[in-house]
Protein backbone atom coordinates (compact mmCIF):
# COMPACT_ATOMS: atom_id res chain seq x y z
CA UNK A 1 101.60 95.64 103.78
CA UNK A 2 100.37 98.36 105.79
CA UNK A 3 96.60 97.30 104.71
CA UNK A 4 97.15 93.67 105.51
CA UNK A 5 98.64 94.92 108.87
CA UNK A 6 94.77 97.20 109.18
CA UNK A 7 92.75 94.78 107.26
CA UNK A 8 93.88 91.24 109.22
CA UNK A 9 93.72 93.83 112.67
CA UNK A 10 90.42 94.14 111.42
CA UNK A 11 88.80 90.74 111.21
CA UNK A 12 90.88 89.76 115.33
CA UNK A 13 88.47 90.13 117.94
CA UNK A 14 89.15 90.11 121.67
CA UNK A 15 92.88 89.18 122.43
CA UNK A 16 92.80 85.82 123.79
CA UNK A 17 93.40 85.71 127.92
CA UNK A 18 95.42 82.70 128.03
CA UNK A 19 98.26 81.10 130.24
CA UNK A 20 100.97 81.93 128.34
CA UNK A 21 103.88 78.43 128.16
CA UNK A 22 108.03 78.44 128.35
CA UNK A 23 109.41 77.32 125.82
CA UNK A 24 108.05 73.80 124.52
CA UNK A 25 111.04 72.26 122.16
CA UNK A 26 114.96 73.11 123.64
CA UNK A 27 116.82 74.75 121.32
CA UNK A 28 118.45 73.08 118.43
CA UNK A 29 121.84 73.87 119.62
CA UNK A 30 124.11 72.04 121.67
CA UNK A 31 123.58 72.30 125.52
CA UNK A 32 126.78 73.56 126.34
CA UNK A 33 127.22 76.34 125.55
CA UNK A 34 123.42 77.70 127.40
CA UNK A 35 125.27 79.47 129.38
CA UNK A 36 127.65 81.71 127.52
CA UNK A 37 126.42 85.53 126.78
CA UNK A 38 125.12 86.22 122.78
CA UNK A 39 125.69 89.40 121.53
CA UNK A 40 124.00 90.14 118.92
CA UNK A 41 123.74 93.71 116.27
CA UNK A 42 120.15 94.01 115.09
CA UNK A 43 118.56 96.13 112.07
CA UNK A 44 118.81 98.96 113.50
CA UNK A 45 122.75 98.78 115.22
CA UNK A 46 121.65 98.64 118.19
CA UNK A 47 123.62 96.11 120.30
CA UNK A 48 120.81 93.20 121.58
CA UNK A 49 123.24 91.72 124.72
CA UNK A 50 121.62 88.09 126.75
CA UNK A 51 122.59 86.38 129.24
CA UNK A 52 122.91 82.77 126.88
CA UNK A 53 120.16 81.98 124.89
CA UNK A 54 116.63 83.27 124.54
CA UNK A 55 113.84 80.62 125.84
CA UNK A 56 111.06 83.70 127.24
CA UNK A 57 110.42 84.90 124.08
CA UNK A 58 108.23 87.61 122.60
CA UNK A 59 107.22 87.80 118.76
CA UNK A 60 105.93 91.06 117.22
CA UNK A 61 104.46 89.57 114.53
CA UNK A 62 104.08 87.05 112.36
CA UNK A 63 107.02 86.43 110.26
CA UNK A 64 109.42 86.31 113.52
CA UNK A 65 106.86 84.61 115.27
CA UNK A 66 106.63 82.04 112.65
CA UNK A 67 110.52 82.23 112.42
CA UNK A 68 110.28 81.56 116.29
CA UNK A 69 108.97 78.27 115.80
CA UNK A 70 110.15 76.41 113.32
CA UNK A 71 113.23 77.14 115.47
CA UNK A 72 112.10 75.32 118.16
CA UNK A 73 111.05 77.96 119.80
CA UNK A 74 107.54 78.78 121.05
CA UNK A 75 107.19 82.09 121.51
CA UNK A 76 105.36 82.93 125.01
CA UNK A 77 103.83 86.17 123.74
CA UNK A 78 102.79 86.53 119.81
CA UNK A 79 100.90 90.07 119.02
CA UNK A 80 97.26 89.02 117.49
CA UNK A 81 96.58 85.02 118.21
CA UNK A 82 93.57 85.11 116.21
CA UNK A 83 95.30 87.09 113.57
CA UNK A 84 98.10 84.48 113.22
CA UNK A 85 95.62 81.58 113.39
CA UNK A 86 93.79 82.98 110.68
CA UNK A 87 96.90 83.47 108.03
CA UNK A 88 99.02 81.13 108.74
CA UNK A 89 97.94 77.45 109.56
CA UNK A 90 100.94 76.50 106.92
CA UNK A 91 102.59 76.95 110.42
CA UNK A 92 100.62 76.82 113.47
CA UNK A 93 101.18 77.72 116.68
CA UNK A 94 101.41 74.56 118.59
CA UNK A 95 101.88 76.77 122.87
CA UNK A 96 99.77 79.44 123.71
CA UNK A 97 101.18 82.28 123.86
CA UNK A 98 99.68 85.99 125.68
CA UNK A 99 98.10 87.70 123.41
CA UNK A 100 100.44 90.63 123.90
CA UNK A 101 98.13 93.29 121.74
CA UNK A 102 98.16 93.96 117.84
CA UNK A 103 100.98 94.01 115.97
CA UNK A 104 101.47 97.55 115.35
CA UNK A 105 100.88 98.70 118.78
CA UNK A 106 101.63 95.43 121.55
CA UNK A 107 100.89 96.34 124.86
CA UNK A 108 103.95 96.88 126.80
CA UNK A 109 102.66 95.86 130.62
CA UNK A 110 100.93 92.56 129.08
CA UNK A 111 104.72 92.14 127.51
CA UNK A 112 106.60 92.87 130.59
CA UNK A 113 104.08 90.39 133.23
CA UNK A 114 105.32 87.70 130.43
CA UNK A 115 109.00 88.41 131.88
CA UNK A 116 110.53 87.17 128.80
CA UNK A 117 114.45 87.38 127.49
CA UNK A 118 114.37 88.60 124.32
CA UNK A 119 111.52 90.62 122.94
CA UNK A 120 111.60 90.10 118.20
CA UNK A 121 110.77 93.01 116.75
CA UNK A 122 111.10 94.12 113.22
CA UNK A 123 110.76 97.56 111.85
CA UNK A 124 107.25 97.68 110.97
CA UNK A 125 106.69 98.54 114.75
CA UNK A 126 107.15 102.17 116.01
CA UNK A 127 110.77 103.49 117.40
CA UNK A 128 108.35 104.82 120.45
CA UNK A 129 107.10 101.46 121.66
CA UNK A 130 110.82 100.11 120.27
CA UNK A 131 111.80 102.23 123.37
CA UNK A 132 109.60 101.38 125.63
CA UNK A 133 109.89 97.84 125.58
CA UNK A 134 113.42 97.46 125.09
CA UNK A 135 112.64 99.01 128.95
CA UNK A 136 110.87 95.69 129.70
CA UNK A 137 113.44 93.31 128.25
CA UNK A 138 116.43 93.33 125.49
CA UNK A 139 114.66 94.35 121.71
CA UNK A 140 115.83 92.59 118.35
CA UNK A 141 114.61 94.47 115.66
CA UNK A 142 115.21 92.82 112.62
CA UNK A 143 114.14 94.50 109.12
CA UNK A 144 110.07 93.49 107.56
CA UNK A 145 111.87 92.83 104.03
CA UNK A 146 113.81 94.20 101.84
CA UNK A 147 112.89 94.45 97.43
CA UNK A 148 115.79 94.22 96.44
CA UNK A 149 116.61 90.68 98.63
CA UNK A 150 113.36 89.54 99.76
CA UNK A 151 114.61 86.04 100.47
CA UNK A 152 117.95 86.87 102.06
CA UNK A 153 116.28 89.38 104.25
CA UNK A 154 114.48 86.34 104.90
CA UNK A 155 117.55 84.07 105.51
CA UNK A 156 119.16 86.61 107.62
CA UNK A 157 116.21 87.78 109.96
CA UNK A 158 116.52 82.99 110.84
CA UNK A 159 119.39 83.83 111.64
CA UNK A 160 119.96 86.42 113.17
CA UNK A 161 117.11 85.17 115.73
CA UNK A 162 118.52 81.75 116.16
CA UNK A 163 121.30 82.87 116.60
CA UNK A 164 119.38 84.51 118.91
CA UNK A 165 118.20 81.25 120.76
CA UNK A 166 120.96 79.25 119.87
CA UNK A 167 118.93 77.49 116.57
CA UNK A 168 121.63 78.16 114.45
CA UNK A 169 121.88 74.14 113.18
CA UNK A 170 118.39 74.27 113.22
CA UNK A 171 118.76 77.56 110.89
CA UNK A 172 120.31 76.08 108.30
CA UNK A 173 119.03 72.57 108.32
CA UNK A 174 115.84 74.89 107.31
CA UNK A 175 117.75 76.94 104.48
CA UNK A 176 119.16 73.67 103.03
CA UNK A 177 115.10 72.41 103.19
CA UNK A 178 114.21 75.40 101.63
CA UNK A 179 116.66 75.54 98.17
CA UNK A 180 116.23 71.97 97.70
CA UNK A 181 112.08 72.98 97.21
CA UNK A 182 113.07 75.04 95.48
CA UNK A 183 115.14 73.31 93.40
CA UNK A 184 112.29 69.90 93.06
CA UNK A 185 109.27 72.86 92.54
CA UNK A 186 111.36 74.48 89.36
CA UNK A 187 112.12 70.95 87.58
CA UNK A 188 108.26 69.67 88.20
CA UNK A 189 107.03 72.90 86.11
CA UNK A 190 110.22 72.98 83.78
CA UNK A 191 109.27 68.75 83.62
CA UNK A 192 105.60 69.94 82.71
CA UNK A 193 106.79 72.61 79.93
CA UNK A 194 105.86 76.04 82.55
CA UNK A 195 109.53 77.70 82.73
CA UNK A 196 109.11 80.55 81.42
CA UNK A 197 104.82 81.08 81.89
CA UNK A 198 103.77 84.51 82.99
CA UNK A 199 102.50 84.51 85.85
CA UNK A 200 100.63 86.96 88.71
CA UNK A 201 100.40 86.61 91.95
CA UNK A 202 97.94 88.69 94.19
CA UNK A 203 95.71 89.18 96.91
CA UNK A 204 92.51 91.38 97.64
CA UNK A 205 90.33 93.43 99.87
CA UNK A 206 86.73 95.08 99.90
CA UNK A 207 86.85 98.18 101.51
CA UNK A 208 83.77 100.25 101.80
CA UNK A 209 82.25 97.94 98.49
CA UNK A 210 85.33 99.28 96.87
CA UNK A 211 87.87 96.47 95.27
CA UNK A 212 92.12 97.09 96.11
CA UNK A 213 93.84 94.88 94.10
CA UNK A 214 97.73 94.22 96.05
CA UNK A 215 100.32 92.85 92.71
CA UNK A 216 103.56 91.53 93.69
CA UNK A 217 106.09 92.06 92.15
CA UNK A 218 109.49 90.41 91.60
CA UNK A 219 110.51 92.60 94.33
CA UNK A 220 107.96 90.81 96.94
CA UNK A 221 109.00 87.29 99.19
CA UNK A 222 107.00 85.59 96.87
CA UNK A 223 107.58 87.41 93.21
CA UNK A 224 111.41 86.48 94.56
CA UNK A 225 109.82 82.63 95.26
CA UNK A 226 108.41 82.99 91.89
CA UNK A 227 110.60 83.74 90.15
CA UNK A 228 112.97 80.85 91.41
CA UNK A 229 110.70 77.99 90.22
CA UNK A 230 111.34 79.70 86.93
CA UNK A 231 108.41 81.04 86.47
CA UNK A 232 108.29 84.37 84.95
CA UNK A 233 106.84 87.67 86.74
CA UNK A 234 103.27 89.11 85.34
CA UNK A 235 103.38 92.47 86.39
CA UNK A 236 104.46 95.94 85.21
CA UNK A 237 103.56 97.65 88.06
CA UNK A 238 105.46 99.36 91.06
CA UNK A 239 106.32 97.57 94.25
CA UNK A 240 107.57 99.28 98.08
CA UNK A 241 110.97 99.31 98.31
CA UNK A 242 110.07 97.00 101.67
CA UNK A 243 107.46 94.08 101.00
CA UNK A 244 107.90 94.08 96.69
CA UNK A 245 103.86 95.60 96.67
CA UNK A 246 102.16 97.18 94.24
CA UNK A 247 98.44 98.43 94.07
CA UNK A 248 96.04 98.41 91.09
CA UNK A 249 91.79 97.94 90.40
CA UNK A 250 89.83 95.45 88.55
CA UNK A 251 90.48 97.45 85.20
CA UNK A 252 94.21 97.34 86.39
CA UNK A 253 94.28 93.67 85.61
CA UNK A 254 93.67 94.32 81.44
CA UNK A 255 97.47 95.81 81.71
CA UNK A 256 98.35 91.80 82.26
CA UNK A 257 97.20 89.74 79.01
CA UNK A 258 97.18 86.28 79.04
CA UNK A 259 98.79 84.91 82.73
CA UNK A 260 98.04 82.16 84.64
CA UNK A 261 97.11 83.76 87.65
CA UNK A 262 96.97 82.84 91.00
CA UNK A 263 95.46 84.78 95.13
CA UNK A 264 95.60 84.41 98.99
CA UNK A 265 92.83 85.01 100.09
CA UNK A 266 91.77 83.31 103.40
CA UNK A 267 87.95 81.84 104.71
CA UNK A 268 88.56 83.78 108.20
CA UNK A 269 88.18 87.07 107.11
CA UNK A 270 85.22 87.65 103.63
CA UNK A 271 86.87 91.52 103.01
CA UNK A 272 89.99 88.95 101.28
CA UNK A 273 87.52 86.99 98.98
CA UNK A 274 87.06 89.45 96.02
CA UNK A 275 87.88 87.33 93.39
CA UNK A 276 84.72 84.23 94.14
CA UNK A 277 83.35 87.39 95.76
CA UNK A 278 82.13 90.96 94.58
CA UNK A 279 84.07 90.29 91.04
CA UNK A 280 82.26 86.68 90.20
CA UNK A 281 80.06 88.89 88.35
CA UNK A 282 81.64 91.83 87.34
CA UNK A 283 81.79 92.25 83.38
CA UNK A 284 85.80 93.41 83.82
CA UNK A 285 86.53 90.45 85.63
CA UNK A 286 84.84 87.49 83.76
CA UNK A 287 86.52 89.51 80.53
CA UNK A 288 90.33 88.32 81.26
CA UNK A 289 91.29 86.42 79.33
CA UNK A 290 92.78 84.41 82.74
CA UNK A 291 89.69 84.50 84.03
CA UNK A 292 87.77 82.58 80.87
CA UNK A 293 90.28 80.03 80.64
CA UNK A 294 89.67 78.90 83.75
CA UNK A 295 92.88 80.17 85.09
CA UNK A 296 92.58 81.64 88.39
CA UNK A 297 93.99 79.41 90.91
CA UNK A 298 93.00 80.01 94.66
CA UNK A 299 95.88 78.37 96.84
CA UNK A 300 96.28 77.22 99.87
CA UNK A 301 94.57 79.48 103.26
CA UNK A 302 97.10 79.98 105.91
CA UNK A 303 100.07 80.38 104.09
CA UNK A 304 101.66 83.31 104.99
CA UNK A 305 102.87 85.94 102.12
CA UNK A 306 105.40 87.29 104.58
CA UNK A 307 106.48 84.38 105.94
CA UNK A 308 109.72 82.53 106.26
CA UNK A 309 111.28 78.72 104.17
CA UNK A 310 108.37 76.53 105.77
CA UNK A 311 105.50 79.17 104.41
CA UNK A 312 107.12 79.50 101.36
CA UNK A 313 107.65 75.76 100.82
CA UNK A 314 104.13 75.25 101.48
CA UNK A 315 104.24 78.25 98.95
CA UNK A 316 106.02 76.13 96.63
CA UNK A 317 103.93 73.20 96.48
CA UNK A 318 100.57 74.95 95.79
CA UNK A 319 102.00 76.26 93.21
CA UNK A 320 103.25 73.81 91.69
CA UNK A 321 100.03 71.40 92.21
CA UNK A 322 98.03 74.35 91.08
CA UNK A 323 99.76 74.83 87.63
CA UNK A 324 100.06 71.38 86.90
CA UNK A 325 96.83 69.68 88.05
């Protein structure tokens, strides 16, 4: 995750100096409770107290930004707006939020200028930065990821933001829709005789002429989705305890054997497409059984691999389409 943070940061140019807009869609929950105070305890154990459902919200990480948008709350401030627009077109921004800086180092001054009534951050943000942001507005810090239960973590974060923004009804709808999408995708794959298919999802980067490949193990969000679809994760490498991501190189792919291989790159980040770039003429890559058989699938750009139910639903559609075509 941190490498992707770095990669996307490199791809990001100057912040857009656009006028921030307020919430453009009403919260889904009943307006009768709009004035009632809300108290939450976030993932760091901090108590977050709000006068009512938050309307002017800032997001420091793309997954929480995606959650906000899908819940009908357009954030007034977003970290690395250009990066979000590049990597998460599955859930596009509906307004023109202020760019508050990088995800790892948001500008406290810029956030303060927006006068938000809530800042949603994740545990990826350094505690010192969270401490500074708490001087501006209440900060809801959510656990960024959990390899022990990736989908449960995603849903828990969605629920916490929904509670803070008075959109719990919408949150419930999103979770039900996502479960239905998983069930639908699993059935389609099973009907096509693909249940239990060995499948490996990865992304890759070229940095300083070196190709790095990142396996998505069972502890990753996408890895968990794959298993819900009835696919068998072919990776044997160990993932990190938060994001379930491993690390390997092209030689490491020789251990996969005969699998279906899929990846997400991005035309907006030239370093993220080694499979169609520098590896296209690499003898190790071209000798892999799944490459020889044409079982390499580039899934659509803009599916944020660490996003929410909407990104994961689009991922399900793309995997089913790729494997059954």
